[in-house]
Amino acid sequence: MYHRSLMDYNDVDDRLFDVGKALSCRIRLALLHTLVEEDASVGELVASTGASQPNVSNHLAVLRDAGLVTADRAGRVVRYRLASPRVRALVEALGAVTE
């Protein structure tokens, strides 16, 4: 029964695949780990990852589309944060698995 449920991927919610895909990139994981500590602007995230601004912005869009981060605009500055405590728990659990 368990094996059959794994094989029947058509029943799995597409959002689960979106989250898995979003988590499959080193830069996106680095962005999430940075946001566990505190909210950050694109410039701050660029500095923490060493990636280019367009690259960070594209990765943030993927994370936003997957529902993992949200953004708040204050004038010209956009600050990103984790979308919920569940996302924080997920990122922390991923980190714990690798320890």
PDB file of N, CA and C in Angstrom:
ATOM      1  N   MET A   1       0.821  -1.196   0.000  1.00  0.00           N
ATOM      2  CA  MET A   1       0.000   0.000   0.000  1.00  0.00           C
ATOM      3  C   MET A   1       0.864   1.258   0.000  1.00  0.00           C
ATOM      4  N   TYR A   2       1.859   1.305   0.901  1.00  0.00           N
ATOM      5  CA  TYR A   2       2.736   2.471   0.974  1.00  0.00           C
ATOM      6  C   TYR A   2       3.450   2.687  -0.354  1.00  0.00           C
ATOM      7  N   HIS A   3       4.005   1.617  -0.917  1.00  0.00           N
ATOM      8  CA  HIS A   3       4.720   1.726  -2.179  1.00  0.00           C
ATOM      9  C   HIS A   3       3.794   2.207  -3.297  1.00  0.00           C
ATOM     10  N   ARG A   4       2.585   1.704  -3.332  1.00  0.00           N
ATOM     11  CA  ARG A   4       1.636   2.117  -4.363  1.00  0.00           C
ATOM     12  C   ARG A   4       1.337   3.603  -4.261  1.00  0.00           C
ATOM     13  N   SER A   5       1.199   4.126  -3.046  1.00  0.00           N
ATOM     14  CA  SER A   5       0.893   5.553  -2.901  1.00  0.00           C
ATOM     15  C   SER A   5       2.054   6.415  -3.394  1.00  0.00           C
ATOM     16  N   LEU A   6       3.276   5.928  -3.246  1.00  0.00           N
ATOM     17  CA  LEU A   6       4.416   6.673  -3.767  1.00  0.00           C
ATOM     18  C   LEU A   6       4.439   6.668  -5.288  1.00  0.00           C
ATOM     19  N   MET A   7       3.997   5.606  -5.874  1.00  0.00           N
ATOM     20  CA  MET A   7       4.016   5.487  -7.325  1.00  0.00           C
ATOM     21  C   MET A   7       2.920   6.308  -7.993  1.00  0.00           C
ATOM     22  N   ASP A   8       1.851   6.581  -7.281  1.00  0.00           N
ATOM     23  CA  ASP A   8       0.728   7.304  -7.861  1.00  0.00           C
ATOM     24  C   ASP A   8       0.919   8.813  -7.650  1.00  0.00           C
ATOM     25  N   TYR A   9       1.869   9.377  -8.357  1.00  0.00           N
ATOM     26  CA  TYR A   9       2.215  10.785  -8.179  1.00  0.00           C
ATOM     27  C   TYR A   9       1.143  11.740  -8.679  1.00  0.00           C
ATOM     28  N   ASN A  10       0.186  11.286  -9.425  1.00  0.00           N
ATOM     29  CA  ASN A  10      -0.866  12.172  -9.920  1.00  0.00           C
ATOM     30  C   ASN A  10      -1.743  12.707  -8.799  1.00  0.00           C
ATOM     31  N   ASP A  11      -1.762  12.019  -7.662  1.00  0.00           N
ATOM     32  CA  ASP A  11      -2.584  12.456  -6.547  1.00  0.00           C
ATOM     33  C   ASP A  11      -1.889  13.472  -5.647  1.00  0.00           C
ATOM     34  N   VAL A  12      -0.611  13.707  -5.874  1.00  0.00           N
ATOM     35  CA  VAL A  12       0.139  14.630  -5.032  1.00  0.00           C
ATOM     36  C   VAL A  12      -0.169  16.059  -5.457  1.00  0.00           C
ATOM     37  N   ASP A  13      -0.417  16.889  -4.478  1.00  0.00           N
ATOM     38  CA  ASP A  13      -0.728  18.289  -4.713  1.00  0.00           C
ATOM     39  C   ASP A  13       0.421  18.977  -5.473  1.00  0.00           C
ATOM     40  N   ASP A  14       0.100  19.727  -6.508  1.00  0.00           N
ATOM     41  CA  ASP A  14       1.116  20.441  -7.287  1.00  0.00           C
ATOM     42  C   ASP A  14       1.923  21.407  -6.431  1.00  0.00           C
ATOM     43  N   ARG A  15       1.336  21.933  -5.369  1.00  0.00           N
ATOM     44  CA  ARG A  15       2.068  22.869  -4.506  1.00  0.00           C
ATOM     45  C   ARG A  15       3.258  22.180  -3.841  1.00  0.00           C
ATOM     46  N   LEU A  16       3.107  20.905  -3.530  1.00  0.00           N
ATOM     47  CA  LEU A  16       4.224  20.163  -2.944  1.00  0.00           C
ATOM     48  C   LEU A  16       5.389  20.111  -3.929  1.00  0.00           C
ATOM     49  N   PHE A  17       5.100  19.880  -5.196  1.00  0.00           N
ATOM     50  CA  PHE A  17       6.145  19.878  -6.215  1.00  0.00           C
ATOM     51  C   PHE A  17       6.773  21.268  -6.352  1.00  0.00           C
ATOM     52  N   ASP A  18       5.956  22.320  -6.293  1.00  0.00           N
ATOM     53  CA  ASP A  18       6.471  23.688  -6.384  1.00  0.00           C
ATOM     54  C   ASP A  18       7.429  23.992  -5.242  1.00  0.00           C
ATOM     55  N   VAL A  19       7.075  23.584  -4.038  1.00  0.00           N
ATOM     56  CA  VAL A  19       7.943  23.815  -2.882  1.00  0.00           C
ATOM     57  C   VAL A  19       9.226  23.006  -3.030  1.00  0.00           C
ATOM     58  N   GLY A  20       9.105  21.756  -3.417  1.00  0.00           N
ATOM     59  CA  GLY A  20      10.296  20.925  -3.621  1.00  0.00           C
ATOM     60  C   GLY A  20      11.227  21.503  -4.662  1.00  0.00           C
ATOM     61  N   LYS A  21      10.664  21.987  -5.748  1.00  0.00           N
ATOM     62  CA  LYS A  21      11.464  22.605  -6.804  1.00  0.00           C
ATOM     63  C   LYS A  21      12.148  23.874  -6.289  1.00  0.00           C
ATOM     64  N   ALA A  22      11.420  24.670  -5.525  1.00  0.00           N
ATOM     65  CA  ALA A  22      11.985  25.907  -4.985  1.00  0.00           C
ATOM     66  C   ALA A  22      13.142  25.611  -4.032  1.00  0.00           C
ATOM     67  N   LEU A  23      13.060  24.503  -3.312  1.00  0.00           N
ATOM     68  CA  LEU A  23      14.099  24.148  -2.345  1.00  0.00           C
ATOM     69  C   LEU A  23      15.298  23.455  -2.988  1.00  0.00           C
ATOM     70  N   SER A  24      15.231  23.174  -4.272  1.00  0.00           N
ATOM     71  CA  SER A  24      16.273  22.387  -4.923  1.00  0.00           C
ATOM     72  C   SER A  24      17.457  23.209  -5.420  1.00  0.00           C
ATOM     73  N   CYS A  25      17.523  24.463  -5.066  1.00  0.00           N
ATOM     74  CA  CYS A  25      18.590  25.347  -5.552  1.00  0.00           C
ATOM     75  C   CYS A  25      19.398  25.893  -4.376  1.00  0.00           C
ATOM     76  N   ARG A  26      20.709  25.828  -4.505  1.00  0.00           N
ATOM     77  CA  ARG A  26      21.618  26.272  -3.436  1.00  0.00           C
ATOM     78  C   ARG A  26      21.398  27.747  -3.064  1.00  0.00           C
ATOM     79  N   ILE A  27      21.235  28.609  -4.064  1.00  0.00           N
ATOM     80  CA  ILE A  27      21.052  30.036  -3.762  1.00  0.00           C
ATOM     81  C   ILE A  27      19.725  30.262  -3.056  1.00  0.00           C
ATOM     82  N   ARG A  28      18.664  29.603  -3.490  1.00  0.00           N
ATOM     83  CA  ARG A  28      17.369  29.776  -2.829  1.00  0.00           C
ATOM     84  C   ARG A  28      17.426  29.289  -1.390  1.00  0.00           C
ATOM     85  N   LEU A  29      18.128  28.187  -1.145  1.00  0.00           N
ATOM     86  CA  LEU A  29      18.287  27.726   0.241  1.00  0.00           C
ATOM     87  C   LEU A  29      19.074  28.739   1.061  1.00  0.00           C
ATOM     88  N   ALA A  30      20.097  29.327   0.466  1.00  0.00           N
ATOM     89  CA  ALA A  30      20.879  30.352   1.171  1.00  0.00           C
ATOM     90  C   ALA A  30      20.006  31.562   1.495  1.00  0.00           C
ATOM     91  N   LEU A  31      19.156  31.952   0.561  1.00  0.00           N
ATOM     92  CA  LEU A  31      18.250  33.072   0.806  1.00  0.00           C
ATOM     93  C   LEU A  31      17.314  32.760   1.970  1.00  0.00           C
ATOM     94  N   LEU A  32      16.761  31.559   1.969  1.00  0.00           N
ATOM     95  CA  LEU A  32      15.855  31.166   3.050  1.00  0.00           C
ATOM     96  C   LEU A  32      16.573  31.138   4.393  1.00  0.00           C
ATOM     97  N   HIS A  33      17.796  30.625   4.418  1.00  0.00           N
ATOM     98  CA  HIS A  33      18.553  30.589   5.671  1.00  0.00           C
ATOM     99  C   HIS A  33      18.833  31.999   6.175  1.00  0.00           C
ATOM    100  N   THR A  34      19.130  32.910   5.277  1.00  0.00           N
ATOM    101  CA  THR A  34      19.340  34.303   5.674  1.00  0.00           C
ATOM    102  C   THR A  34      18.058  34.886   6.255  1.00  0.00           C
ATOM    103  N   LEU A  35      16.930  34.587   5.636  1.00  0.00           N
ATOM    104  CA  LEU A  35      15.651  35.139   6.095  1.00  0.00           C
ATOM    105  C   LEU A  35      15.171  34.502   7.391  1.00  0.00           C
ATOM    106  N   VAL A  36      15.702  33.353   7.765  1.00  0.00           N
ATOM    107  CA  VAL A  36      15.383  32.781   9.079  1.00  0.00           C
ATOM    108  C   VAL A  36      15.891  33.731  10.164  1.00  0.00           C
ATOM    109  N   GLU A  37      17.047  34.341   9.928  1.00  0.00           N
ATOM    110  CA  GLU A  37      17.648  35.237  10.912  1.00  0.00           C
ATOM    111  C   GLU A  37      16.905  36.568  11.017  1.00  0.00           C
ATOM    112  N   GLU A  38      16.565  37.159   9.855  1.00  0.00           N
ATOM    113  CA  GLU A  38      15.874  38.453   9.859  1.00  0.00           C
ATOM    114  C   GLU A  38      15.368  38.784   8.458  1.00  0.00           C
ATOM    115  N   ASP A  39      14.399  39.671   8.395  1.00  0.00           N
ATOM    116  CA  ASP A  39      13.913  40.167   7.113  1.00  0.00           C
ATOM    117  C   ASP A  39      15.069  40.888   6.428  1.00  0.00           C
ATOM    118  N   ALA A  40      15.044  40.923   5.094  1.00  0.00           N
ATOM    119  CA  ALA A  40      16.158  41.530   4.370  1.00  0.00           C
ATOM    120  C   ALA A  40      15.700  42.106   3.048  1.00  0.00           C
ATOM    121  N   SER A  41      16.420  43.131   2.608  1.00  0.00           N
ATOM    122  CA  SER A  41      16.187  43.718   1.285  1.00  0.00           C
ATOM    123  C   SER A  41      16.963  42.916   0.249  1.00  0.00           C
ATOM    124  N   VAL A  42      16.682  43.180  -1.011  1.00  0.00           N
ATOM    125  CA  VAL A  42      17.416  42.509  -2.081  1.00  0.00           C
ATOM    126  C   VAL A  42      18.910  42.805  -1.955  1.00  0.00           C
ATOM    127  N   GLY A  43      19.250  44.047  -1.675  1.00  0.00           N
ATOM    128  CA  GLY A  43      20.662  44.418  -1.525  1.00  0.00           C
ATOM    129  C   GLY A  43      21.347  43.642  -0.420  1.00  0.00           C
ATOM    130  N   GLU A  44      20.661  43.458   0.690  1.00  0.00           N
ATOM    131  CA  GLU A  44      21.219  42.687   1.803  1.00  0.00           C
ATOM    132  C   GLU A  44      21.365  41.212   1.426  1.00  0.00           C
ATOM    133  N   LEU A  45      20.406  40.705   0.677  1.00  0.00           N
ATOM    134  CA  LEU A  45      20.473  39.308   0.238  1.00  0.00           C
ATOM    135  C   LEU A  45      21.571  39.100  -0.798  1.00  0.00           C
ATOM    136  N   VAL A  46      21.789  40.090  -1.652  1.00  0.00           N
ATOM    137  CA  VAL A  46      22.899  40.039  -2.605  1.00  0.00           C
ATOM    138  C   VAL A  46      24.213  39.958  -1.835  1.00  0.00           C
ATOM    139  N   ALA A  47      24.360  40.806  -0.817  1.00  0.00           N
ATOM    140  CA  ALA A  47      25.590  40.818  -0.023  1.00  0.00           C
ATOM    141  C   ALA A  47      25.802  39.493   0.713  1.00  0.00           C
ATOM    142  N   SER A  48      24.728  38.888   1.189  1.00  0.00           N
ATOM    143  CA  SER A  48      24.874  37.645   1.964  1.00  0.00           C
ATOM    144  C   SER A  48      25.168  36.432   1.084  1.00  0.00           C
ATOM    145  N   THR A  49      24.724  36.455  -0.173  1.00  0.00           N
ATOM    146  CA  THR A  49      24.919  35.299  -1.054  1.00  0.00           C
ATOM    147  C   THR A  49      26.076  35.474  -2.030  1.00  0.00           C
ATOM    148  N   GLY A  50      26.398  36.709  -2.360  1.00  0.00           N
ATOM    149  CA  GLY A  50      27.426  36.951  -3.368  1.00  0.00           C
ATOM    150  C   GLY A  50      26.914  36.822  -4.792  1.00  0.00           C
ATOM    151  N   ALA A  51      25.618  36.546  -4.939  1.00  0.00           N
ATOM    152  CA  ALA A  51      25.012  36.442  -6.272  1.00  0.00           C
ATOM    153  C   ALA A  51      24.680  37.839  -6.794  1.00  0.00           C
ATOM    154  N   SER A  52      24.444  37.941  -8.080  1.00  0.00           N
ATOM    155  CA  SER A  52      24.102  39.231  -8.675  1.00  0.00           C
ATOM    156  C   SER A  52      22.674  39.632  -8.287  1.00  0.00           C
ATOM    157  N   GLN A  53      22.389  40.912  -8.376  1.00  0.00           N
ATOM    158  CA  GLN A  53      21.059  41.413  -8.029  1.00  0.00           C
ATOM    159  C   GLN A  53      19.969  40.791  -8.900  1.00  0.00           C
ATOM    160  N   PRO A  54      20.153  40.729 -10.227  1.00  0.00           N
ATOM    161  CA  PRO A  54      19.110  40.092 -11.036  1.00  0.00           C
ATOM    162  C   PRO A  54      18.901  38.617 -10.674  1.00  0.00           C
ATOM    163  N   ASN A  55      19.989  37.912 -10.359  1.00  0.00           N
ATOM    164  CA  ASN A  55      19.903  36.507  -9.994  1.00  0.00           C
ATOM    165  C   ASN A  55      19.114  36.343  -8.692  1.00  0.00           C
ATOM    166  N   VAL A  56      19.440  37.153  -7.690  1.00  0.00           N
ATOM    167  CA  VAL A  56      18.723  37.098  -6.408  1.00  0.00           C
ATOM    168  C   VAL A  56      17.248  37.429  -6.621  1.00  0.00           C
ATOM    169  N   SER A  57      16.969  38.446  -7.405  1.00  0.00           N
ATOM    170  CA  SER A  57      15.570  38.829  -7.663  1.00  0.00           C
ATOM    171  C   SER A  57      14.794  37.695  -8.331  1.00  0.00           C
ATOM    172  N   ASN A  58      15.424  37.020  -9.282  1.00  0.00           N
ATOM    173  CA  ASN A  58      14.760  35.891  -9.948  1.00  0.00           C
ATOM    174  C   ASN A  58      14.490  34.754  -8.965  1.00  0.00           C
ATOM    175  N   HIS A  59      15.453  34.460  -8.116  1.00  0.00           N
ATOM    176  CA  HIS A  59      15.265  33.398  -7.130  1.00  0.00           C
ATOM    177  C   HIS A  59      14.194  33.771  -6.109  1.00  0.00           C
ATOM    178  N   LEU A  60      14.142  35.023  -5.720  1.00  0.00           N
ATOM    179  CA  LEU A  60      13.094  35.467  -4.796  1.00  0.00           C
ATOM    180  C   LEU A  60      11.712  35.320  -5.430  1.00  0.00           C
ATOM    181  N   ALA A  61      11.615  35.544  -6.728  1.00  0.00           N
ATOM    182  CA  ALA A  61      10.337  35.369  -7.425  1.00  0.00           C
ATOM    183  C   ALA A  61       9.892  33.905  -7.368  1.00  0.00           C
ATOM    184  N   VAL A  62      10.831  32.976  -7.527  1.00  0.00           N
ATOM    185  CA  VAL A  62      10.503  31.554  -7.429  1.00  0.00           C
ATOM    186  C   VAL A  62      10.020  31.224  -6.017  1.00  0.00           C
ATOM    187  N   LEU A  63      10.733  31.731  -5.021  1.00  0.00           N
ATOM    188  CA  LEU A  63      10.334  31.490  -3.630  1.00  0.00           C
ATOM    189  C   LEU A  63       8.977  32.110  -3.308  1.00  0.00           C
ATOM    190  N   ARG A  64       8.727  33.273  -3.859  1.00  0.00           N
ATOM    191  CA  ARG A  64       7.432  33.945  -3.662  1.00  0.00           C
ATOM    192  C   ARG A  64       6.314  33.137  -4.317  1.00  0.00           C
ATOM    193  N   ASP A  65       6.546  32.678  -5.536  1.00  0.00           N
ATOM    194  CA  ASP A  65       5.541  31.887  -6.259  1.00  0.00           C
ATOM    195  C   ASP A  65       5.223  30.577  -5.542  1.00  0.00           C
ATOM    196  N   ALA A  66       6.223  30.023  -4.855  1.00  0.00           N
ATOM    197  CA  ALA A  66       6.023  28.777  -4.110  1.00  0.00           C
ATOM    198  C   ALA A  66       5.388  29.024  -2.743  1.00  0.00           C
ATOM    199  N   GLY A  67       5.195  30.296  -2.395  1.00  0.00           N
ATOM    200  CA  GLY A  67       4.576  30.625  -1.114  1.00  0.00           C
ATOM    201  C   GLY A  67       5.517  30.540   0.073  1.00  0.00           C
ATOM    202  N   LEU A  68       6.821  30.584  -0.188  1.00  0.00           N
ATOM    203  CA  LEU A  68       7.796  30.465   0.895  1.00  0.00           C
ATOM    204  C   LEU A  68       8.230  31.804   1.467  1.00  0.00           C
ATOM    205  N   VAL A  69       8.173  32.864   0.670  1.00  0.00           N
ATOM    206  CA  VAL A  69       8.513  34.206   1.152  1.00  0.00           C
ATOM    207  C   VAL A  69       7.430  35.187   0.730  1.00  0.00           C
ATOM    208  N   THR A  70       7.379  36.273   1.448  1.00  0.00           N
ATOM    209  CA  THR A  70       6.516  37.394   1.083  1.00  0.00           C
ATOM    210  C   THR A  70       7.363  38.656   1.103  1.00  0.00           C
ATOM    211  N   ALA A  71       6.818  39.729   0.558  1.00  0.00           N
ATOM    212  CA  ALA A  71       7.562  40.983   0.478  1.00  0.00           C
ATOM    213  C   ALA A  71       6.673  42.142   0.889  1.00  0.00           C
ATOM    214  N   ASP A  72       7.290  43.122   1.530  1.00  0.00           N
ATOM    215  CA  ASP A  72       6.622  44.367   1.903  1.00  0.00           C
ATOM    216  C   ASP A  72       7.430  45.520   1.344  1.00  0.00           C
ATOM    217  N   ARG A  73       6.742  46.457   0.721  1.00  0.00           N
ATOM    218  CA  ARG A  73       7.407  47.620   0.137  1.00  0.00           C
ATOM    219  C   ARG A  73       7.246  48.820   1.066  1.00  0.00           C
ATOM    220  N   ALA A  74       8.373  49.509   1.290  1.00  0.00           N
ATOM    221  CA  ALA A  74       8.390  50.770   2.043  1.00  0.00           C
ATOM    222  C   ALA A  74       9.143  51.774   1.184  1.00  0.00           C
ATOM    223  N   GLY A  75       8.389  52.551   0.402  1.00  0.00           N
ATOM    224  CA  GLY A  75       9.023  53.456  -0.551  1.00  0.00           C
ATOM    225  C   GLY A  75       9.656  52.644  -1.665  1.00  0.00           C
ATOM    226  N   ARG A  76      10.953  52.842  -1.845  1.00  0.00           N
ATOM    227  CA  ARG A  76      11.661  52.107  -2.905  1.00  0.00           C
ATOM    228  C   ARG A  76      12.259  50.794  -2.420  1.00  0.00           C
ATOM    229  N   VAL A  77      12.213  50.570  -1.125  1.00  0.00           N
ATOM    230  CA  VAL A  77      12.841  49.374  -0.559  1.00  0.00           C
ATOM    231  C   VAL A  77      11.804  48.271  -0.371  1.00  0.00           C
ATOM    232  N   VAL A  78      12.137  47.094  -0.863  1.00  0.00           N
ATOM    233  CA  VAL A  78      11.294  45.916  -0.672  1.00  0.00           C
ATOM    234  C   VAL A  78      12.020  44.997   0.304  1.00  0.00           C
ATOM    235  N   ARG A  79      11.334  44.650   1.387  1.00  0.00           N
ATOM    236  CA  ARG A  79      11.914  43.749   2.385  1.00  0.00           C
ATOM    237  C   ARG A  79      11.226  42.399   2.287  1.00  0.00           C
ATOM    238  N   TYR A  80      12.026  41.360   2.262  1.00  0.00           N
ATOM    239  CA  TYR A  80      11.524  39.995   2.153  1.00  0.00           C
ATOM    240  C   TYR A  80      11.562  39.335   3.515  1.00  0.00           C
ATOM    241  N   ARG A  81      10.610  38.421   3.725  1.00  0.00           N
ATOM    242  CA  ARG A  81      10.555  37.646   4.961  1.00  0.00           C
ATOM    243  C   ARG A  81       9.966  36.286   4.652  1.00  0.00           C
ATOM    244  N   LEU A  82      10.182  35.355   5.561  1.00  0.00           N
ATOM    245  CA  LEU A  82       9.576  34.037   5.405  1.00  0.00           C
ATOM    246  C   LEU A  82       8.067  34.189   5.496  1.00  0.00           C
ATOM    247  N   ALA A  83       7.352  33.395   4.750  1.00  0.00           N
ATOM    248  CA  ALA A  83       5.904  33.545   4.644  1.00  0.00           C
ATOM    249  C   ALA A  83       5.159  33.133   5.904  1.00  0.00           C
ATOM    250  N   SER A  84       5.748  32.236   6.706  1.00  0.00           N
ATOM    251  CA  SER A  84       5.034  31.776   7.894  1.00  0.00           C
ATOM    252  C   SER A  84       6.000  31.059   8.835  1.00  0.00           C
ATOM    253  N   PRO A  85       5.547  30.825  10.061  1.00  0.00           N
ATOM    254  CA  PRO A  85       6.363  30.025  10.988  1.00  0.00           C
ATOM    255  C   PRO A  85       6.603  28.604  10.471  1.00  0.00           C
ATOM    256  N   ARG A  86       5.695  28.083   9.673  1.00  0.00           N
ATOM    257  CA  ARG A  86       5.892  26.749   9.099  1.00  0.00           C
ATOM    258  C   ARG A  86       7.074  26.725   8.143  1.00  0.00           C
ATOM    259  N   VAL A  87       7.254  27.804   7.386  1.00  0.00           N
ATOM    260  CA  VAL A  87       8.409  27.883   6.483  1.00  0.00           C
ATOM    261  C   VAL A  87       9.687  27.937   7.316  1.00  0.00           C
ATOM    262  N   ARG A  88       9.676  28.708   8.388  1.00  0.00           N
ATOM    263  CA  ARG A  88      10.836  28.772   9.286  1.00  0.00           C
ATOM    264  C   ARG A  88      11.167  27.365   9.813  1.00  0.00           C
ATOM    265  N   ALA A  89      10.154  26.638  10.255  1.00  0.00           N
ATOM    266  CA  ALA A  89      10.360  25.287  10.777  1.00  0.00           C
ATOM    267  C   ALA A  89      10.922  24.366   9.691  1.00  0.00           C
ATOM    268  N   LEU A  90      10.439  24.512   8.463  1.00  0.00           N
ATOM    269  CA  LEU A  90      10.931  23.708   7.348  1.00  0.00           C
ATOM    270  C   LEU A  90      12.409  23.981   7.096  1.00  0.00           C
ATOM    271  N   VAL A  91      12.786  25.243   7.041  1.00  0.00           N
ATOM    272  CA  VAL A  91      14.182  25.607   6.777  1.00  0.00           C
ATOM    273  C   VAL A  91      15.071  25.115   7.918  1.00  0.00           C
ATOM    274  N   GLU A  92      14.619  25.276   9.145  1.00  0.00           N
ATOM    275  CA  GLU A  92      15.399  24.805  10.286  1.00  0.00           C
ATOM    276  C   GLU A  92      15.525  23.282  10.273  1.00  0.00           C
ATOM    277  N   ALA A  93      14.464  22.584   9.885  1.00  0.00           N
ATOM    278  CA  ALA A  93      14.514  21.122   9.809  1.00  0.00           C
ATOM    279  C   ALA A  93      15.478  20.662   8.729  1.00  0.00           C
ATOM    280  N   LEU A  94      15.500  21.354   7.607  1.00  0.00           N
ATOM    281  CA  LEU A  94      16.468  21.009   6.548  1.00  0.00           C
ATOM    282  C   LEU A  94      17.885  21.173   7.045  1.00  0.00           C
ATOM    283  N   GLY A  95      18.119  22.240   7.784  1.00  0.00           N
ATOM    284  CA  GLY A  95      19.450  22.451   8.353  1.00  0.00           C
ATOM    285  C   GLY A  95      19.812  21.368   9.359  1.00  0.00           C
ATOM    286  N   ALA A  96      18.846  20.927  10.169  1.00  0.00           N
ATOM    287  CA  ALA A  96      19.098  19.904  11.177  1.00  0.00           C
ATOM    288  C   ALA A  96      19.416  18.560  10.544  1.00  0.00           C
ATOM    289  N   VAL A  97      18.822  18.270   9.406  1.00  0.00           N
ATOM    290  CA  VAL A  97      19.059  16.995   8.728  1.00  0.00           C
ATOM    291  C   VAL A  97      20.520  16.878   8.300  1.00  0.00           C
ATOM    292  N   THR A  98      21.146  17.986   7.981  1.00  0.00           N
ATOM    293  CA  THR A  98      22.509  17.955   7.464  1.00  0.00           C
ATOM    294  C   THR A  98      23.564  18.030   8.556  1.00  0.00           C
ATOM    295  N   GLU A  99      23.178  18.168   9.797  1.00  0.00           N
ATOM    296  CA  GLU A  99      24.151  18.263  10.894  1.00  0.00           C
ATOM    297  C   GLU A  99      24.696  16.925  11.264  1.00  0.00           C
TER     298      GLU A  99
END
